[in-house]
C-alpha atoms as a PDB file:
ATOM      1  CA  UNK A   1     335.345  21.638  40.951  1.00  0.00           C
ATOM      2  CA  UNK A   2     335.797  25.449  39.545  1.00  0.00           C
ATOM      3  CA  UNK A   3     337.342  25.871  36.333  1.00  0.00           C
ATOM      4  CA  UNK A   4     338.587  29.170  34.451  1.00  0.00           C
ATOM      5  CA  UNK A   5     337.993  29.583  30.620  1.00  0.00           C
ATOM      6  CA  UNK A   6     339.942  32.131  28.599  1.00  0.00           C
ATOM      7  CA  UNK A   7     337.959  34.120  26.052  1.00  0.00           C
ATOM      8  CA  UNK A   8     339.447  37.265  24.225  1.00  0.00           C
ATOM      9  CA  UNK A   9     342.085  37.484  26.861  1.00  0.00           C
ATOM     10  CA  UNK A  10     339.558  37.648  29.734  1.00  0.00           C
ATOM     11  CA  UNK A  11     339.008  34.792  32.272  1.00  0.00           C
ATOM     12  CA  UNK A  12     335.808  33.774  33.510  1.00  0.00           C
ATOM     13  CA  UNK A  13     335.513  31.669  36.749  1.00  0.00           C
ATOM     14  CA  UNK A  14     332.610  29.142  36.121  1.00  0.00           C
ATOM     15  CA  UNK A  15     330.868  27.366  38.758  1.00  0.00           C
ATOM     16  CA  UNK A  16     330.714  23.645  38.436  1.00  0.00           C
ATOM     17  CA  UNK A  17     329.873  20.813  40.479  1.00  0.00           C
ATOM     18  CA  UNK A  18     330.697  17.359  40.014  1.00  0.00           C
ATOM     19  CA  UNK A  19     329.159  14.260  41.880  1.00  0.00           C
ATOM     20  CA  UNK A  20     329.865  10.201  42.086  1.00  0.00           C
ATOM     21  CA  UNK A  21     327.074   7.987  41.327  1.00  0.00           C
ATOM     22  CA  UNK A  22     326.871   4.288  41.054  1.00  0.00           C
ATOM     23  CA  UNK A  23     329.289   3.659  38.297  1.00  0.00           C
ATOM     24  CA  UNK A  24     329.470   7.038  37.038  1.00  0.00           C
ATOM     25  CA  UNK A  25     330.126  10.755  37.546  1.00  0.00           C
ATOM     26  CA  UNK A  26     328.099  13.764  36.737  1.00  0.00           C
ATOM     27  CA  UNK A  27     329.329  17.472  36.329  1.00  0.00           C
ATOM     28  CA  UNK A  28     327.356  20.437  35.693  1.00  0.00           C
ATOM     29  CA  UNK A  29     327.915  24.085  35.174  1.00  0.00           C
ATOM     30  CA  UNK A  30     325.653  26.351  37.284  1.00  0.00           C
ATOM     31  CA  UNK A  31     326.359  29.433  35.005  1.00  0.00           C
ATOM     32  CA  UNK A  32     325.006  27.840  31.790  1.00  0.00           C
ATOM     33  CA  UNK A  33     322.754  24.912  33.294  1.00  0.00           C
ATOM     34  CA  UNK A  34     324.954  22.249  31.337  1.00  0.00           C
ATOM     35  CA  UNK A  35     325.400  18.820  32.305  1.00  0.00           C
ATOM     36  CA  UNK A  36     327.640  15.945  31.570  1.00  0.00           C
ATOM     37  CA  UNK A  37     328.229  12.413  32.598  1.00  0.00           C
ATOM     38  CA  UNK A  38     331.532  10.145  32.367  1.00  0.00           C
ATOM     39  CA  UNK A  39     333.056   6.867  33.629  1.00  0.00           C
ATOM     40  CA  UNK A  40     335.313   8.796  35.827  1.00  0.00           C
ATOM     41  CA  UNK A  41     335.689  12.299  37.140  1.00  0.00           C
ATOM     42  CA  UNK A  42     338.365  13.311  34.531  1.00  0.00           C
ATOM     43  CA  UNK A  43     336.018  12.125  31.669  1.00  0.00           C
ATOM     44  CA  UNK A  44     332.901  14.048  33.035  1.00  0.00           C
ATOM     45  CA  UNK A  45     335.036  17.160  33.689  1.00  0.00           C
ATOM     46  CA  UNK A  46     336.441  16.741  30.069  1.00  0.00           C
ATOM     47  CA  UNK A  47     332.768  16.328  28.466  1.00  0.00           C
ATOM     48  CA  UNK A  48     331.529  19.553  30.379  1.00  0.00           C
ATOM     49  CA  UNK A  49     334.502  21.615  29.419  1.00  0.00           C
ATOM     50  CA  UNK A  50     333.682  20.497  25.626  1.00  0.00           C
ATOM     51  CA  UNK A  51     329.929  21.432  26.154  1.00  0.00           C
ATOM     52  CA  UNK A  52     330.993  24.800  27.550  1.00  0.00           C
ATOM     53  CA  UNK A  53     333.193  25.504  24.695  1.00  0.00           C
ATOM     54  CA  UNK A  54     330.713  24.553  22.208  1.00  0.00           C
ATOM     55  CA  UNK A  55     327.922  26.453  23.980  1.00  0.00           C
ATOM     56  CA  UNK A  56     329.934  29.668  24.321  1.00  0.00           C
ATOM     57  CA  UNK A  57     330.835  29.405  20.397  1.00  0.00           C
ATOM     58  CA  UNK A  58     327.356  28.889  19.600  1.00  0.00           C
ATOM     59  CA  UNK A  59     326.093  32.025  21.640  1.00  0.00           C
ATOM     60  CA  UNK A  60     328.726  34.243  20.799  1.00  0.00           C
ATOM     61  CA  UNK A  61     329.805  33.244  17.294  1.00  0.00           C
ATOM     62  CA  UNK A  62     327.617  30.524  15.943  1.00  0.00           C
ATOM     63  CA  UNK A  63     323.989  30.479  14.747  1.00  0.00           C
ATOM     64  CA  UNK A  64     322.558  31.473  18.164  1.00  0.00           C
ATOM     65  CA  UNK A  65     324.368  34.663  18.717  1.00  0.00           C
ATOM     66  CA  UNK A  66     320.965  36.671  18.446  1.00  0.00           C
ATOM     67  CA  UNK A  67     320.196  34.920  21.257  1.00  0.00           C
ATOM     68  CA  UNK A  68     323.579  35.522  23.141  1.00  0.00           C
ATOM     69  CA  UNK A  69     322.035  37.770  25.993  1.00  0.00           C
ATOM     70  CA  UNK A  70     319.570  35.186  27.128  1.00  0.00           C
ATOM     71  CA  UNK A  71     322.050  32.203  26.629  1.00  0.00           C
ATOM     72  CA  UNK A  72     324.803  33.593  28.696  1.00  0.00           C
ATOM     73  CA  UNK A  73     322.590  34.561  31.453  1.00  0.00           C
ATOM     74  CA  UNK A  74     320.868  31.111  31.908  1.00  0.00           C
ATOM     75  CA  UNK A  75     321.609  30.243  35.579  1.00  0.00           C
ATOM     76  CA  UNK A  76     320.820  27.025  37.433  1.00  0.00           C
ATOM     77  CA  UNK A  77     318.225  27.308  40.151  1.00  0.00           C
ATOM     78  CA  UNK A  78     318.936  28.886  43.332  1.00  0.00           C
ATOM     79  CA  UNK A  79     318.901  25.320  45.402  1.00  0.00           C
ATOM     80  CA  UNK A  80     321.927  24.344  43.051  1.00  0.00           C
ATOM     81  CA  UNK A  81     323.742  27.521  43.812  1.00  0.00           C
ATOM     82  CA  UNK A  82     323.113  26.964  47.688  1.00  0.00           C
ATOM     83  CA  UNK A  83     324.643  23.593  47.301  1.00  0.00           C
ATOM     84  CA  UNK A  84     327.719  24.973  45.628  1.00  0.00           C
ATOM     85  CA  UNK A  85     328.331  27.739  47.954  1.00  0.00           C
ATOM     86  CA  UNK A  86     327.988  25.408  50.867  1.00  0.00           C
ATOM     87  CA  UNK A  87     330.435  22.814  49.712  1.00  0.00           C
ATOM     88  CA  UNK A  88     332.625  26.004  48.841  1.00  0.00           C
ATOM     89  CA  UNK A  89     332.445  27.197  52.370  1.00  0.00           C
ATOM     90  CA  UNK A  90     333.316  23.939  53.996  1.00  0.00           C
ATOM     91  CA  UNK A  91     336.115  23.143  51.621  1.00  0.00           C
ATOM     92  CA  UNK A  92     337.766  26.637  52.560  1.00  0.00           C
ATOM     93  CA  UNK A  93     337.009  25.949  56.313  1.00  0.00           C
ATOM     94  CA  UNK A  94     338.751  22.720  55.894  1.00  0.00           C
ATOM     95  CA  UNK A  95     341.751  24.229  54.122  1.00  0.00           C
ATOM     96  CA  UNK A  96     341.897  27.117  56.713  1.00  0.00           C
ATOM     97  CA  UNK A  97     341.905  24.769  59.568  1.00  0.00           C
ATOM     98  CA  UNK A  98     344.747  22.737  57.928  1.00  0.00           C
ATOM     99  CA  UNK A  99     346.876  25.824  57.392  1.00  0.00           C
ATOM    100  CA  UNK A 100     346.126  26.998  60.815  1.00  0.00           C
ATOM    101  CA  UNK A 101     347.221  23.741  62.198  1.00  0.00           C
ATOM    102  CA  UNK A 102     350.436  23.812  60.156  1.00  0.00           C
ATOM    103  CA  UNK A 103     351.074  27.326  60.967  1.00  0.00           C
ATOM    104  CA  UNK A 104     350.806  26.951  64.832  1.00  0.00           C
ATOM    105  CA  UNK A 105     352.070  23.520  65.665  1.00  0.00           C
ATOM    106  CA  UNK A 106     355.968  23.906  64.623  1.00  0.00           C
ATOM    107  CA  UNK A 107     358.149  21.217  65.427  1.00  0.00           C
ATOM    108  CA  UNK A 108     359.908  22.288  68.443  1.00  0.00           C
ATOM    109  CA  UNK A 109     362.954  19.945  69.212  1.00  0.00           C
ATOM    110  CA  UNK A 110     362.750  18.251  72.649  1.00  0.00           C
ATOM    111  CA  UNK A 111     365.889  17.443  74.495  1.00  0.00           C
ATOM    112  CA  UNK A 112     367.854  18.710  77.510  1.00  0.00           C
ATOM    113  CA  UNK A 113     367.614  22.486  78.055  1.00  0.00           C
ATOM    114  CA  UNK A 114     370.693  24.172  79.736  1.00  0.00           C
ATOM    115  CA  UNK A 115     369.864  27.045  81.721  1.00  0.00           C
ATOM    116  CA  UNK A 116     372.711  29.338  82.801  1.00  0.00           C
END
Protein backbone atom coordinates (compact mmCIF):
# COMPACT_ATOMS: atom_id res chain seq x y z
CA UNK A 1 0.00 0.00 0.00
CA UNK A 2 1.40 3.40 -0.95
CA UNK A 3 -0.59 6.55 -0.38
CA UNK A 4 -0.18 10.05 -1.69
CA UNK A 5 -0.78 12.92 0.69
CA UNK A 6 -1.30 16.46 -0.63
CA UNK A 7 0.00 19.34 1.41
CA UNK A 8 0.26 22.93 0.19
CA UNK A 9 -0.37 21.84 -3.39
CA UNK A 10 2.49 19.31 -3.35
CA UNK A 11 2.09 15.55 -3.30
CA UNK A 12 4.36 13.35 -1.24
CA UNK A 13 4.33 9.60 -1.69
CA UNK A 14 4.50 7.84 1.64
CA UNK A 15 5.80 4.31 1.99
CA UNK A 16 3.34 2.14 3.90
CA UNK A 17 2.96 -1.56 4.61
CA UNK A 18 -0.09 -3.51 5.76
CA UNK A 19 -0.16 -7.01 7.20
CA UNK A 20 -2.95 -9.39 8.17
CA UNK A 21 -2.63 -11.01 11.59
CA UNK A 22 -4.95 -13.40 13.44
CA UNK A 23 -8.16 -11.38 13.68
CA UNK A 24 -6.79 -7.92 12.84
CA UNK A 25 -4.78 -5.87 10.36
CA UNK A 26 -1.77 -3.65 11.02
CA UNK A 27 -0.59 -0.77 8.87
CA UNK A 28 2.57 1.26 9.25
CA UNK A 29 4.13 4.28 7.63
CA UNK A 30 7.87 3.83 7.15
CA UNK A 31 8.49 7.53 6.55
CA UNK A 32 7.36 8.60 10.03
CA UNK A 33 7.43 5.29 11.95
CA UNK A 34 3.68 5.34 12.64
CA UNK A 35 1.59 2.23 13.29
CA UNK A 36 -2.16 1.56 13.36
CA UNK A 37 -4.37 -1.51 13.75
CA UNK A 38 -7.93 -2.30 12.73
CA UNK A 39 -10.36 -5.15 12.28
CA UNK A 40 -10.08 -4.78 8.49
CA UNK A 41 -7.53 -3.47 6.02
CA UNK A 42 -9.69 -0.43 5.32
CA UNK A 43 -9.99 0.39 9.02
CA UNK A 44 -6.24 0.04 9.65
CA UNK A 45 -5.50 2.17 6.59
CA UNK A 46 -8.01 4.87 7.63
CA UNK A 47 -6.53 5.01 11.14
CA UNK A 48 -3.02 5.29 9.74
CA UNK A 49 -4.05 8.11 7.40
CA UNK A 50 -5.62 9.94 10.37
CA UNK A 51 -2.40 9.47 12.35
CA UNK A 52 -0.32 10.79 9.46
CA UNK A 53 -2.57 13.85 9.09
CA UNK A 54 -2.35 14.63 12.81
CA UNK A 55 1.39 13.93 12.91
CA UNK A 56 2.06 16.31 10.02
CA UNK A 57 -0.18 19.00 11.50
CA UNK A 58 1.64 18.79 14.86
CA UNK A 59 5.05 18.83 13.18
CA UNK A 60 4.34 21.70 10.78
CA UNK A 61 1.74 23.92 12.46
CA UNK A 62 1.15 22.55 15.95
CA UNK A 63 3.01 22.56 19.24
CA UNK A 64 5.84 20.43 17.86
CA UNK A 65 6.78 22.71 14.95
CA UNK A 66 10.07 23.59 16.66
CA UNK A 67 11.02 19.93 16.24
CA UNK A 68 9.78 19.62 12.63
CA UNK A 69 13.17 18.79 11.07
CA UNK A 70 13.65 15.83 13.41
CA UNK A 71 10.02 14.68 13.21
CA UNK A 72 9.81 14.84 9.43
CA UNK A 73 13.00 12.80 9.02
CA UNK A 74 12.03 10.03 11.46
CA UNK A 75 12.44 6.92 9.31
CA UNK A 76 11.82 3.26 10.08
CA UNK A 77 14.79 0.87 10.46
CA UNK A 78 16.50 -0.32 7.28
CA UNK A 79 15.09 -3.84 7.73
CA UNK A 80 11.55 -2.48 7.32
CA UNK A 81 12.61 -0.62 4.19
CA UNK A 82 14.19 -3.79 2.79
CA UNK A 83 10.90 -5.66 3.28
CA UNK A 84 9.01 -2.81 1.60
CA UNK A 85 11.24 -2.75 -1.46
CA UNK A 86 11.27 -6.55 -1.81
CA UNK A 87 7.46 -6.61 -1.76
CA UNK A 88 7.33 -3.65 -4.17
CA UNK A 89 9.76 -5.37 -6.55
CA UNK A 90 7.79 -8.64 -6.50
CA UNK A 91 4.51 -6.81 -7.17
CA UNK A 92 6.07 -4.94 -10.08
CA UNK A 93 7.41 -8.20 -11.54
CA UNK A 94 3.99 -9.81 -11.24
CA UNK A 95 2.30 -6.81 -12.88
CA UNK A 96 4.88 -6.79 -15.67
CA UNK A 97 4.51 -10.51 -16.34
CA UNK A 98 0.71 -10.15 -16.46
CA UNK A 99 1.03 -7.23 -18.87
CA UNK A 100 3.54 -9.06 -21.05
CA UNK A 101 1.34 -12.13 -21.07
CA UNK A 102 -1.60 -10.08 -22.33
CA UNK A 103 0.52 -8.14 -24.83
CA UNK A 104 2.11 -11.18 -26.46
CA UNK A 105 -0.74 -13.66 -26.48
CA UNK A 106 -3.37 -12.13 -28.73
CA UNK A 107 -6.44 -14.10 -29.59
CA UNK A 108 -5.83 -15.44 -33.07
CA UNK A 109 -8.91 -16.83 -34.72
CA UNK A 110 -8.59 -20.45 -35.69
CA UNK A 111 -10.39 -21.74 -38.68
CA UNK A 112 -9.96 -22.74 -42.25
CA UNK A 113 -7.26 -20.80 -44.03
CA UNK A 114 -7.59 -20.29 -47.74
CA UNK A 115 -4.37 -20.05 -49.58
CA UNK A 116 -4.44 -18.78 -53.11
